[in-house]
Protein backbone atom coordinates (compact mmCIF):
# COMPACT_ATOMS: atom_id res chain seq x y z
CA MET A 1 -1.17 4.56 30.41
CA SER A 2 2.32 6.32 30.33
CA ASP A 3 5.38 4.44 29.09
CA VAL A 4 6.46 1.37 31.26
CA LEU A 5 10.23 0.26 31.44
CA LYS A 6 10.38 -3.59 31.29
CA GLU A 7 12.97 -6.16 30.50
CA ILE A 8 11.48 -8.23 27.52
CA ALA A 9 12.93 -11.37 25.95
CA PRO A 10 13.78 -10.75 22.27
CA SER A 11 11.81 -13.70 21.34
CA LYS A 12 8.53 -12.25 22.57
CA ILE A 13 9.09 -9.11 20.35
CA GLU A 14 8.12 -8.86 16.50
CA ARG A 15 9.07 -6.66 13.84
CA ASN A 16 6.70 -3.80 13.11
CA PRO A 17 5.02 -4.59 9.64
CA ASP A 18 4.71 -0.83 8.86
CA ASN A 19 8.39 -0.02 9.57
CA PRO A 20 9.40 1.65 6.35
CA ARG A 21 13.02 0.45 6.92
CA ILE A 22 14.39 -1.94 4.13
CA PHE A 23 18.01 -1.83 4.35
CA PHE A 24 20.17 -3.34 7.37
CA ARG A 25 23.80 -3.01 6.27
CA ASP A 26 26.23 -5.70 7.18
CA GLU A 27 28.86 -3.33 8.41
CA GLU A 28 26.62 -1.22 10.29
CA MET A 29 25.12 -4.09 12.00
CA ASP A 30 28.53 -5.78 12.90
CA THR A 31 29.55 -2.53 14.45
CA LEU A 32 26.35 -2.23 16.65
CA THR A 33 26.57 -6.01 17.53
CA ALA A 34 30.19 -5.48 18.85
CA SER A 35 29.09 -2.36 20.73
CA ILE A 36 26.20 -4.13 22.52
CA ARG A 37 28.34 -7.20 23.24
CA ARG A 38 30.78 -5.04 24.97
CA TYR A 39 28.53 -2.35 26.81
CA GLY A 40 24.92 -3.66 26.55
CA ILE A 41 21.88 -2.00 25.20
CA GLN A 42 22.23 1.62 26.63
CA VAL A 43 19.09 2.88 25.00
CA PRO A 44 15.80 0.76 25.59
CA ILE A 45 13.60 0.02 22.58
CA THR A 46 9.95 1.01 22.17
CA VAL A 47 7.07 -1.40 21.68
CA TYR A 48 3.43 -1.77 22.07
CA SER A 49 1.78 -4.74 23.47
CA GLU A 50 -0.20 -7.11 20.92
CA GLY A 51 -1.66 -10.21 22.71
CA SER A 52 1.10 -12.18 24.32
CA HIS A 53 3.85 -10.50 22.20
CA PHE A 54 5.20 -6.98 21.71
CA ILE A 55 5.58 -4.97 18.40
CA LEU A 56 8.40 -2.83 17.76
CA ILE A 57 7.95 0.99 17.23
CA ASP A 58 11.60 1.93 17.52
CA GLY A 59 14.89 -0.22 17.83
CA GLU A 60 14.83 -2.74 15.12
CA ARG A 61 18.61 -2.85 14.70
CA ARG A 62 19.06 -3.25 18.49
CA TRP A 63 16.40 -5.97 18.64
CA ARG A 64 18.23 -7.83 15.70
CA CYS A 65 21.52 -7.64 17.48
CA ALA A 66 19.96 -8.85 20.68
CA ARG A 67 18.61 -11.94 18.94
CA LYS A 68 21.97 -12.59 17.22
CA LEU A 69 23.75 -12.37 20.57
CA ASN A 70 21.11 -14.58 22.19
CA LEU A 71 20.36 -12.19 24.83
CA LYS A 72 17.81 -13.26 27.33
CA SER A 73 16.20 -10.03 27.85
CA MET A 74 16.48 -6.24 26.63
CA PRO A 75 15.20 -2.98 27.92
CA ALA A 76 11.87 -1.77 26.29
CA LEU A 77 9.58 1.11 26.89
CA VAL A 78 5.84 -0.33 26.55
CA ARG A 79 3.52 2.25 25.12
CA ASP A 80 -0.13 2.04 24.22
CA LYS A 81 -0.92 0.56 20.70
CA PRO A 82 -0.98 3.45 18.29
CA SER A 83 -3.43 3.73 15.13
CA ARG A 84 -1.76 2.61 12.12
CA LEU A 85 -1.25 6.09 10.96
CA LYS A 86 0.31 7.02 14.17
CA ASN A 87 2.35 4.08 14.22
CA ILE A 88 4.00 5.01 10.75
CA LEU A 89 4.24 8.62 11.65
CA LEU A 90 6.01 7.91 14.93
CA MET A 91 8.69 6.06 13.13
CA PHE A 92 9.05 8.78 10.53
CA ASN A 93 9.50 11.38 13.13
CA ILE A 94 11.97 9.28 15.34
CA HIS A 95 14.34 8.61 12.38
CA ALA A 96 13.85 12.24 10.96
CA LEU A 97 15.50 13.41 14.24
CA ARG A 98 18.18 10.47 14.92
CA GLU A 99 19.25 9.51 11.48
CA GLN A 100 18.36 10.09 7.59
CA TRP A 101 16.64 7.00 6.15
CA ASP A 102 17.34 6.13 2.66
CA TYR A 103 14.66 8.14 0.32
CA LEU A 104 13.64 4.81 -1.10
CA THR A 105 12.69 3.54 2.44
CA ILE A 106 10.48 6.69 2.97
CA ALA A 107 9.09 6.58 -0.54
CA HIS A 108 7.77 3.03 0.00
CA LYS A 109 5.50 4.30 2.98
CA LEU A 110 4.54 7.87 1.85
CA PRO A 111 1.57 6.32 -0.31
CA ASP A 112 0.22 4.39 2.96
CA VAL A 113 0.53 8.05 5.10
CA ILE A 114 -1.40 9.60 2.10
CA GLU A 115 -4.23 6.95 2.03
CA LEU A 116 -4.65 6.79 5.80
CA PHE A 117 -4.68 10.66 5.94
CA GLN A 118 -7.56 10.59 3.35
CA LYS A 119 -9.53 7.95 5.38
CA ASP A 120 -9.30 10.30 8.35
CA ASN A 121 -10.39 13.48 6.25
CA SER A 122 -13.20 12.39 4.16
CA GLY A 123 -11.03 11.49 1.17
CA ARG A 124 -9.11 14.84 1.12
CA GLU A 125 -5.39 14.24 0.08
CA PRO A 126 -2.89 16.08 2.25
CA THR A 127 -1.19 19.06 0.89
CA GLU A 128 2.74 19.07 0.74
CA ALA A 129 2.83 21.30 3.82
CA GLU A 130 0.70 18.88 5.65
CA LEU A 131 2.58 15.85 4.57
CA SER A 132 5.84 17.59 5.76
CA GLU A 133 4.28 18.50 9.10
CA LEU A 134 3.01 14.96 9.68
CA THR A 135 6.11 13.02 8.70
CA GLY A 136 8.77 15.45 9.79
CA LEU A 137 10.21 15.60 6.40
CA THR A 138 11.02 18.68 4.39
CA ARG A 139 9.15 19.62 1.30
CA GLY A 140 12.27 19.08 -0.69
CA GLN A 141 12.45 15.52 0.77
CA ILE A 142 9.03 14.77 0.00
CA ARG A 143 9.59 15.81 -3.81
CA ARG A 144 12.86 13.71 -3.97
CA CYS A 145 10.85 10.65 -2.68
CA GLY A 146 8.26 11.56 -5.54
CA PHE A 147 10.83 11.01 -8.21
CA LEU A 148 11.76 7.39 -6.80
CA LEU A 149 8.00 6.57 -6.39
CA ASP A 150 7.55 7.31 -10.05
CA LEU A 151 10.30 4.93 -11.13
CA PRO A 152 9.19 1.89 -12.95
CA THR A 153 9.71 -1.53 -10.95
CA LYS A 154 12.67 -2.33 -13.00
CA TYR A 155 14.59 0.62 -11.84
CA ARG A 156 13.53 0.52 -8.24
CA GLU A 157 14.80 -2.95 -8.22
CA ILE A 158 18.03 -1.90 -9.38
CA LEU A 159 18.33 0.88 -6.72
CA GLU A 160 17.28 -1.60 -4.12
CA GLU A 161 20.13 -3.81 -5.06
CA GLU A 162 22.52 -0.96 -4.84
CA LEU A 163 21.33 0.27 -1.66
CA ALA A 164 21.74 -3.23 -0.17
CA LEU A 165 25.43 -2.95 -0.86
CA PRO A 166 28.04 -1.28 1.53
CA LYS A 167 28.20 2.59 1.04
CA GLN A 168 31.70 2.31 -0.56
CA PHE A 169 30.53 -0.23 -3.15
CA GLN A 170 27.45 1.68 -4.21
CA LYS A 171 27.51 3.25 -7.85
CA LEU A 172 24.08 4.01 -8.64
CA SER A 173 22.79 6.24 -5.66
CA GLU A 174 19.37 7.50 -4.86
CA ASP A 175 20.62 10.95 -5.88
CA PHE A 176 21.77 9.53 -9.42
CA PHE A 177 18.17 8.42 -9.91
CA ILE A 178 16.65 11.62 -8.76
CA GLU A 179 18.71 13.90 -10.64
CA MET A 180 18.29 11.67 -13.82
CA GLU A 181 14.63 11.67 -13.43
CA ARG A 182 14.38 15.36 -13.12
CA ALA A 183 16.42 15.88 -16.17
CA LEU A 184 14.42 13.51 -18.15
CA LYS A 185 11.25 15.25 -17.25
CA THR A 186 12.55 18.53 -18.30
CA VAL A 187 13.67 16.93 -21.78
CA GLN A 188 10.12 15.32 -22.17
CA HIS A 189 8.75 18.63 -21.45
CA ARG A 190 11.03 20.99 -23.60
CA VAL A 191 12.14 18.62 -26.39
CA PRO A 192 9.64 15.75 -26.30
CA THR A 193 10.88 14.36 -29.80
CA ALA A 194 14.44 13.68 -28.37
CA ILE A 195 13.02 10.49 -26.51
CA LYS A 196 11.38 8.01 -28.37
CA ASN A 197 11.50 5.43 -25.60
CA LEU A 198 11.90 6.61 -22.09
CA ASN A 199 13.20 3.29 -20.69
CA SER A 200 15.85 3.05 -23.38
CA ALA A 201 16.99 6.51 -22.40
CA ARG A 202 17.05 5.45 -18.82
CA ASP A 203 19.17 2.39 -19.88
CA ALA A 204 21.44 4.48 -21.87
CA LEU A 205 22.35 6.83 -19.18
CA ILE A 206 22.72 4.22 -16.62
CA ALA A 207 25.04 2.34 -18.65
CA LYS A 208 27.19 5.48 -19.51
CA PHE A 209 27.29 6.31 -15.68
CA ARG A 210 28.64 2.98 -14.97
CA ASN A 211 31.32 3.12 -17.48
CA ASP A 212 32.11 6.73 -16.64
CA THR A 213 31.14 8.27 -19.87
CA ILE A 214 28.91 10.26 -17.73
CA GLY A 215 31.50 11.23 -15.00
CA ASN A 216 29.25 12.94 -12.40
CA ILE A 217 25.68 12.93 -11.16
CA THR A 218 25.70 16.93 -11.49
CA ASP A 219 26.08 16.38 -15.40
CA PHE A 220 22.29 15.58 -15.36
CA ARG A 221 21.77 19.52 -14.87
CA MET A 222 23.74 20.09 -18.09
CA LEU A 223 21.15 17.76 -19.79
CA SER A 224 18.27 20.08 -18.46
CA LYS A 225 20.14 23.17 -19.73
CA ILE A 226 20.53 21.46 -23.18
CA ALA A 227 16.64 21.03 -23.12
CA THR A 228 15.92 24.49 -21.96
CA SER A 229 18.29 26.24 -24.32
CA VAL A 230 15.57 26.02 -26.99
CA LYS A 231 13.30 28.69 -25.46
CA ARG A 232 15.73 30.47 -23.14
CA LEU A 233 18.53 30.96 -25.45
CA GLY A 234 16.95 30.68 -28.87
CA VAL A 235 18.74 27.42 -29.84
CA ARG A 236 17.11 25.70 -32.82
CA GLU A 237 15.05 22.59 -31.40
CA THR A 238 16.56 20.46 -34.22
CA LYS A 239 19.98 21.13 -32.75
CA ALA A 240 18.84 20.31 -29.07
CA ARG A 241 17.22 17.20 -30.41
CA GLU A 242 20.26 15.76 -32.11
CA ALA A 243 22.42 16.67 -29.42
CA LEU A 244 20.11 14.97 -26.80
CA LYS A 245 19.77 11.82 -28.99
CA SER A 246 23.41 11.47 -29.21
CA ILE A 247 23.58 11.30 -25.43
CA PHE A 248 20.58 8.73 -25.22
CA ASP A 249 22.43 6.62 -27.99
CA PRO A 250 23.63 3.62 -25.92
CA HIS A 251 26.07 2.86 -28.78
CA SER A 252 27.85 6.36 -28.54
CA LYS A 253 30.73 7.19 -26.30
CA ILE A 254 29.52 10.67 -25.99
CA GLY A 255 28.76 12.00 -22.47
CA ILE A 256 26.81 14.88 -21.30
CA GLU A 257 29.44 17.18 -20.37
CA GLN A 258 31.08 16.73 -23.80
CA VAL A 259 27.92 17.60 -25.57
CA PHE A 260 27.28 20.55 -23.45
CA ALA A 261 30.78 22.07 -23.44
CA GLU A 262 31.19 21.65 -27.25
CA GLN A 263 27.85 22.97 -28.23
CA PHE A 264 25.87 24.86 -25.46
CA GLU A 265 28.10 26.23 -23.02
CA MET A 266 29.19 29.41 -24.87
CA LYS A 267 25.48 30.38 -25.27
CA PHE A 268 24.83 30.04 -21.63
CA ASP A 269 28.05 32.03 -20.83
CA GLU A 270 26.98 34.67 -23.44
CA ARG A 271 23.75 35.04 -21.54
CA LYS A 272 25.50 35.42 -18.13
CA VAL A 273 27.71 38.23 -19.78
CA ILE A 274 24.45 39.88 -21.06
CA HIS A 275 23.04 40.14 -17.77
CA SER A 276 26.16 41.25 -16.10
CA ALA A 277 26.54 43.93 -18.91
CA ASP A 278 23.01 44.94 -18.52
CA SER A 279 23.62 45.21 -14.60
CA ILE A 280 26.72 47.36 -15.05
CA TYR A 281 25.02 49.61 -17.53
CA ASP A 282 22.03 50.22 -14.97
CA PHE A 283 24.59 50.85 -12.23
CA LEU A 284 26.42 53.50 -14.43
CA GLU A 285 23.35 55.08 -15.55
CA HIS A 286 21.89 55.52 -12.11
CA SER A 287 25.18 56.94 -10.86
CA LEU A 288 25.47 59.41 -13.70
CA SER A 289 21.80 60.51 -13.21
CA ASP A 290 22.57 61.05 -9.53
CA ASN A 291 25.66 62.95 -10.37
CA SER A 292 27.48 60.61 -7.88
CA THR A 293 30.46 59.48 -10.06
CA THR A 294 32.63 61.52 -7.56
CA LYS A 295 31.79 58.82 -5.04
CA ALA A 296 33.16 56.09 -6.87
CA SER A 297 36.05 54.45 -5.20
CA ASP A 298 39.44 54.10 -6.69
CA GLN A 299 39.07 50.47 -6.99
CA LEU A 300 35.97 50.66 -8.85
CA ARG A 301 37.49 53.31 -11.29
CA LYS A 302 40.46 50.97 -11.87
CA SER A 303 38.09 47.98 -12.59
CA LEU A 304 35.95 49.84 -15.07
CA SER A 305 39.10 51.17 -16.86
CA ARG A 306 40.39 47.65 -17.16
CA LEU A 307 36.81 46.30 -18.40
CA HIS A 308 36.66 49.44 -20.80
CA ARG A 309 40.12 48.52 -22.43
CA LEU A 310 39.12 44.89 -22.68
CA ILE A 311 35.71 45.55 -24.24
CA GLU A 312 37.29 47.89 -26.93
CA ARG A 313 39.64 45.13 -27.85
CA PHE A 314 36.86 42.61 -28.13
CA LEU A 315 34.69 44.71 -30.18
CA LYS A 316 37.53 45.66 -32.56
CA SER A 317 38.27 41.77 -32.90
């Protein structure tokens, strides 16, 4: 049966139990309610028939507003009842095109998608590429959801409390938890002795972010750099471990950026300079071997002359 447009009483419509959406923020709902009060519902919701009632596929915010406004009816496209997997995927793809759900919203339903896919495919788990094609999410989005899925219940609840707040009042965002978890995994892999208790490390980082000791979410990338400095730069593991412990110490007022700037930034800068110097050397060697120095522009010659003078000063010092 093709979609049929009907006028349906909001009281005859029920929420879809498989709708991944968790948060309906007051300011967003108030804006939509005011628009519907003034202009009516311009885009029909989508439902399927279930006995004497209808189940939402798309349009829960409009339906909630219609109930609040006590509308007698609202326009709805009635579809055939989908399978449970198709039901979830319809909502994923609708919202992937129209608006970005919170990652936690997506993460709550991904396990169901995987489980239902396995049932339809003799127990085989979908690849990341298949999951991306099914849901309309990019692989990067799926990986980011994975970090949130792996969070202990305590921290998912903290995040849920934050996401329920208006955007301007949210301190601990999804990006905060994703970047923190990514950095902690790197530390666990590279300098495992730096973390005695993972939840204690999380608590310290959250507290320091709340009080601005950690000033920016991107500071967590410096945390990863400190951990990788042991193998990449030859930094002693004891030095990296002690630096990381000072960051994870809830009683210290030391942030990630301070530790990185004071103890590790120069090492990373030196590495960049070495790579740049090697590139310049290879370029000049190639130019000389091809006897193409006469082709060098005046600008290049001036830049190399300035660099030559500075290098001599640096080496003499």
